[in-house]
Amino acid sequence: MEERTFFRKKVLYAVFPSVHLPRTVEGFVRSHDHDFSGKRIFPIITHGGTDAGESANVLRDAAPDADLAPVLDVYSSDVPGARGQVAAYLKANSEKQ
């Protein structure tokens, strides 16, 4: 049986607008927790002023074998101009693999 594309990837970009990890994201990660060994997760979280909250801890708990990069939290009104911030974050944290 051919392996699905996701499981061959080494990187997962988890981008979501919340201080709480969305249930759909958490459910996906938990249902594939054994498949995250050797994979790096980049959590990018937008919010309205409360920072990333407990999302990183929930994500870490859901995929304990994954290499979780530091969280990039972006204030919601900064999202339209955050391209440079996101690019710098990905570059800085990709080099640590």
N, C-alpha and C. Protein backbone atom coordinates (compact mmCIF):
# COMPACT_ATOMS: atom_id res chain seq x y z
N MET A 1 0.84 -1.17 0.00
CA MET A 1 0.00 0.00 0.00
C MET A 1 0.89 1.24 0.00
N GLU A 2 0.58 2.19 -0.84
CA GLU A 2 1.37 3.41 -0.93
C GLU A 2 1.10 4.32 0.25
N GLU A 3 2.17 4.88 0.79
CA GLU A 3 2.06 5.80 1.92
C GLU A 3 1.43 7.11 1.45
N ARG A 4 0.50 7.65 2.26
CA ARG A 4 -0.11 8.92 1.91
C ARG A 4 0.93 10.03 1.99
N THR A 5 0.76 11.06 1.17
CA THR A 5 1.73 12.13 1.04
C THR A 5 2.08 12.78 2.36
N PHE A 6 1.11 13.07 3.23
CA PHE A 6 1.38 13.76 4.48
C PHE A 6 2.45 13.05 5.28
N PHE A 7 2.40 11.75 5.34
CA PHE A 7 3.29 11.00 6.21
C PHE A 7 4.71 10.94 5.69
N ARG A 8 4.93 11.32 4.45
CA ARG A 8 6.29 11.40 3.93
C ARG A 8 6.91 12.77 4.19
N LYS A 9 6.09 13.74 4.54
CA LYS A 9 6.58 15.09 4.79
C LYS A 9 7.29 15.16 6.13
N LYS A 10 8.28 16.03 6.23
CA LYS A 10 9.05 16.20 7.46
C LYS A 10 8.61 17.42 8.26
N VAL A 11 7.78 18.27 7.64
CA VAL A 11 7.39 19.52 8.27
C VAL A 11 5.88 19.69 8.21
N LEU A 12 5.31 20.20 9.30
CA LEU A 12 3.89 20.54 9.35
C LEU A 12 3.80 21.99 9.79
N TYR A 13 3.08 22.80 9.02
CA TYR A 13 2.83 24.18 9.40
C TYR A 13 1.43 24.23 10.00
N ALA A 14 1.35 24.48 11.29
CA ALA A 14 0.06 24.56 11.98
C ALA A 14 -0.26 26.03 12.18
N VAL A 15 -1.12 26.56 11.34
CA VAL A 15 -1.49 27.97 11.39
C VAL A 15 -2.96 28.06 11.72
N PHE A 16 -3.26 28.75 12.82
CA PHE A 16 -4.67 28.86 13.21
C PHE A 16 -4.92 30.12 14.04
N PRO A 17 -6.14 30.63 13.97
CA PRO A 17 -6.50 31.86 14.67
C PRO A 17 -7.17 31.59 16.01
N SER A 18 -6.37 31.37 17.04
CA SER A 18 -6.99 31.06 18.32
C SER A 18 -5.95 31.01 19.42
N VAL A 19 -6.40 31.21 20.65
CA VAL A 19 -5.52 30.98 21.80
C VAL A 19 -5.68 29.55 22.28
N HIS A 20 -6.66 28.85 21.71
CA HIS A 20 -6.89 27.44 22.04
C HIS A 20 -6.71 26.64 20.76
N LEU A 21 -5.97 25.57 20.84
CA LEU A 21 -5.78 24.73 19.67
C LEU A 21 -7.14 24.26 19.17
N PRO A 22 -7.49 24.56 17.91
CA PRO A 22 -8.80 24.13 17.40
C PRO A 22 -8.96 22.61 17.50
N ARG A 23 -10.15 22.18 17.82
CA ARG A 23 -10.41 20.74 18.00
C ARG A 23 -10.09 19.94 16.74
N THR A 24 -10.31 20.53 15.58
CA THR A 24 -10.01 19.79 14.35
C THR A 24 -8.51 19.55 14.22
N VAL A 25 -7.71 20.56 14.57
CA VAL A 25 -6.25 20.40 14.51
C VAL A 25 -5.80 19.39 15.56
N GLU A 26 -6.29 19.56 16.78
CA GLU A 26 -5.92 18.63 17.85
C GLU A 26 -6.34 17.20 17.51
N GLY A 27 -7.54 17.03 16.98
CA GLY A 27 -8.01 15.70 16.61
C GLY A 27 -7.16 15.07 15.53
N PHE A 28 -6.78 15.86 14.53
CA PHE A 28 -5.92 15.34 13.47
C PHE A 28 -4.58 14.90 14.03
N VAL A 29 -3.98 15.76 14.85
CA VAL A 29 -2.66 15.45 15.41
C VAL A 29 -2.74 14.23 16.32
N ARG A 30 -3.73 14.18 17.18
CA ARG A 30 -3.87 13.04 18.09
C ARG A 30 -4.13 11.74 17.34
N SER A 31 -4.87 11.80 16.26
CA SER A 31 -5.17 10.57 15.51
C SER A 31 -3.96 10.06 14.73
N HIS A 32 -2.95 10.92 14.57
CA HIS A 32 -1.74 10.53 13.85
C HIS A 32 -0.50 10.70 14.72
N ASP A 33 -0.65 10.68 16.04
CA ASP A 33 0.46 11.00 16.93
C ASP A 33 1.68 10.13 16.69
N HIS A 34 1.49 8.88 16.37
CA HIS A 34 2.62 8.00 16.14
C HIS A 34 3.36 8.33 14.85
N ASP A 35 2.75 9.13 13.99
CA ASP A 35 3.36 9.47 12.71
C ASP A 35 4.17 10.77 12.76
N PHE A 36 4.29 11.39 13.93
CA PHE A 36 5.00 12.65 14.02
C PHE A 36 6.45 12.50 14.45
N SER A 37 6.90 11.31 14.70
CA SER A 37 8.30 11.09 15.05
C SER A 37 9.18 11.54 13.90
N GLY A 38 10.15 12.38 14.19
CA GLY A 38 11.05 12.87 13.15
C GLY A 38 10.50 14.02 12.33
N LYS A 39 9.33 14.52 12.71
CA LYS A 39 8.73 15.63 11.98
C LYS A 39 8.81 16.90 12.83
N ARG A 40 8.89 18.03 12.16
CA ARG A 40 8.95 19.33 12.84
C ARG A 40 7.63 20.06 12.61
N ILE A 41 7.06 20.59 13.67
CA ILE A 41 5.82 21.35 13.59
C ILE A 41 6.12 22.82 13.87
N PHE A 42 5.67 23.67 12.97
CA PHE A 42 5.81 25.11 13.13
C PHE A 42 4.44 25.70 13.48
N PRO A 43 4.21 26.00 14.76
CA PRO A 43 2.91 26.58 15.14
C PRO A 43 2.92 28.10 14.97
N ILE A 44 2.02 28.58 14.12
CA ILE A 44 1.86 30.02 13.89
C ILE A 44 0.43 30.36 14.30
N ILE A 45 0.30 31.18 15.33
CA ILE A 45 -1.00 31.41 15.94
C ILE A 45 -1.34 32.90 15.90
N THR A 46 -2.50 33.22 15.34
CA THR A 46 -2.97 34.60 15.37
C THR A 46 -3.93 34.75 16.54
N HIS A 47 -3.97 35.96 17.09
CA HIS A 47 -4.80 36.18 18.28
C HIS A 47 -5.17 37.65 18.39
N GLY A 48 -6.07 37.94 19.29
CA GLY A 48 -6.54 39.30 19.49
C GLY A 48 -5.93 40.00 20.67
N GLY A 49 -4.84 39.50 21.21
CA GLY A 49 -4.15 40.18 22.28
C GLY A 49 -3.82 39.32 23.48
N THR A 50 -4.18 38.06 23.43
CA THR A 50 -3.93 37.18 24.58
C THR A 50 -2.75 36.25 24.36
N ASP A 51 -1.96 36.46 23.38
CA ASP A 51 -0.84 35.64 22.93
C ASP A 51 -1.30 34.22 22.60
N ALA A 52 -0.40 33.29 22.53
CA ALA A 52 -0.72 31.94 22.04
C ALA A 52 -1.44 31.06 23.05
N GLY A 53 -1.57 31.52 24.27
CA GLY A 53 -2.28 30.74 25.28
C GLY A 53 -1.65 29.38 25.51
N GLU A 54 -2.48 28.39 25.70
CA GLU A 54 -2.02 27.02 25.98
C GLU A 54 -1.89 26.16 24.73
N SER A 55 -2.05 26.76 23.57
CA SER A 55 -2.04 25.98 22.32
C SER A 55 -0.78 25.15 22.15
N ALA A 56 0.38 25.72 22.43
CA ALA A 56 1.63 24.99 22.25
C ALA A 56 1.69 23.78 23.18
N ASN A 57 1.24 23.94 24.41
CA ASN A 57 1.25 22.82 25.35
C ASN A 57 0.32 21.70 24.89
N VAL A 58 -0.85 22.06 24.38
CA VAL A 58 -1.79 21.05 23.89
C VAL A 58 -1.21 20.36 22.66
N LEU A 59 -0.61 21.14 21.77
CA LEU A 59 0.01 20.56 20.58
C LEU A 59 1.16 19.63 20.96
N ARG A 60 1.97 20.06 21.90
CA ARG A 60 3.10 19.23 22.38
C ARG A 60 2.58 17.92 22.98
N ASP A 61 1.50 18.01 23.75
CA ASP A 61 0.90 16.83 24.35
C ASP A 61 0.29 15.90 23.30
N ALA A 62 -0.29 16.49 22.26
CA ALA A 62 -0.95 15.70 21.21
C ALA A 62 0.07 14.98 20.32
N ALA A 63 1.25 15.55 20.17
CA ALA A 63 2.29 14.96 19.31
C ALA A 63 3.61 14.96 20.06
N PRO A 64 3.74 14.14 21.09
CA PRO A 64 4.95 14.18 21.92
C PRO A 64 6.23 13.80 21.19
N ASP A 65 6.13 13.07 20.10
CA ASP A 65 7.32 12.65 19.36
C ASP A 65 7.77 13.68 18.33
N ALA A 66 6.97 14.71 18.11
CA ALA A 66 7.31 15.73 17.12
C ALA A 66 8.33 16.70 17.69
N ASP A 67 9.06 17.33 16.80
CA ASP A 67 9.97 18.41 17.17
C ASP A 67 9.18 19.71 16.99
N LEU A 68 8.73 20.29 18.09
CA LEU A 68 7.89 21.48 18.05
C LEU A 68 8.75 22.74 18.07
N ALA A 69 8.68 23.51 17.00
CA ALA A 69 9.40 24.78 16.94
C ALA A 69 8.76 25.76 17.92
N PRO A 70 9.47 26.81 18.29
CA PRO A 70 8.85 27.82 19.14
C PRO A 70 7.61 28.40 18.45
N VAL A 71 6.65 28.82 19.23
CA VAL A 71 5.43 29.39 18.69
C VAL A 71 5.69 30.80 18.16
N LEU A 72 5.15 31.08 16.99
CA LEU A 72 5.11 32.45 16.50
C LEU A 72 3.69 32.93 16.72
N ASP A 73 3.53 33.93 17.59
CA ASP A 73 2.19 34.47 17.77
C ASP A 73 2.12 35.83 17.11
N VAL A 74 1.06 36.03 16.34
CA VAL A 74 0.88 37.25 15.55
C VAL A 74 -0.44 37.88 15.96
N TYR A 75 -0.38 39.13 16.38
CA TYR A 75 -1.59 39.86 16.74
C TYR A 75 -2.46 40.00 15.49
N SER A 76 -3.76 39.80 15.65
CA SER A 76 -4.67 39.73 14.51
C SER A 76 -4.59 40.94 13.57
N SER A 77 -4.47 42.13 14.10
CA SER A 77 -4.41 43.30 13.21
C SER A 77 -3.07 43.39 12.49
N ASP A 78 -2.06 42.63 12.93
CA ASP A 78 -0.76 42.62 12.26
C ASP A 78 -0.67 41.58 11.15
N VAL A 79 -1.68 40.73 11.02
CA VAL A 79 -1.65 39.65 10.05
C VAL A 79 -1.41 40.14 8.62
N PRO A 80 -2.10 41.21 8.15
CA PRO A 80 -1.88 41.62 6.76
C PRO A 80 -0.42 41.97 6.44
N GLY A 81 0.33 42.46 7.40
CA GLY A 81 1.72 42.83 7.15
C GLY A 81 2.74 41.88 7.74
N ALA A 82 2.32 40.68 8.11
CA ALA A 82 3.19 39.76 8.84
C ALA A 82 4.05 38.86 7.94
N ARG A 83 4.00 39.05 6.66
CA ARG A 83 4.74 38.18 5.75
C ARG A 83 6.23 38.12 6.10
N GLY A 84 6.84 39.26 6.34
CA GLY A 84 8.26 39.30 6.68
C GLY A 84 8.54 38.63 8.01
N GLN A 85 7.66 38.84 8.99
CA GLN A 85 7.82 38.22 10.30
C GLN A 85 7.74 36.70 10.19
N VAL A 86 6.78 36.21 9.42
CA VAL A 86 6.63 34.76 9.24
C VAL A 86 7.83 34.18 8.50
N ALA A 87 8.29 34.87 7.46
CA ALA A 87 9.45 34.39 6.69
C ALA A 87 10.69 34.33 7.58
N ALA A 88 10.90 35.35 8.41
CA ALA A 88 12.06 35.36 9.30
C ALA A 88 11.96 34.24 10.33
N TYR A 89 10.77 34.02 10.86
CA TYR A 89 10.53 32.95 11.83
C TYR A 89 10.84 31.58 11.21
N LEU A 90 10.31 31.34 10.02
CA LEU A 90 10.55 30.05 9.37
C LEU A 90 12.02 29.85 9.05
N LYS A 91 12.68 30.89 8.57
CA LYS A 91 14.10 30.78 8.25
C LYS A 91 14.91 30.50 9.51
N ALA A 92 14.67 31.24 10.56
CA ALA A 92 15.43 31.08 11.80
C ALA A 92 15.23 29.71 12.41
N ASN A 93 14.01 29.21 12.36
CA ASN A 93 13.71 27.93 13.00
C ASN A 93 13.96 26.74 12.09
N SER A 94 14.00 26.94 10.80
CA SER A 94 14.32 25.85 9.87
C SER A 94 15.79 25.49 9.97
N GLU A 95 16.61 26.48 10.24
CA GLU A 95 18.05 26.24 10.33
C GLU A 95 18.41 25.40 11.56
N LYS A 96 17.49 25.27 12.50
CA LYS A 96 17.76 24.53 13.74
C LYS A 96 17.42 23.05 13.60
N GLN A 97 17.00 22.64 12.43
CA GLN A 97 16.61 21.23 12.26
C GLN A 97 17.81 20.32 12.30
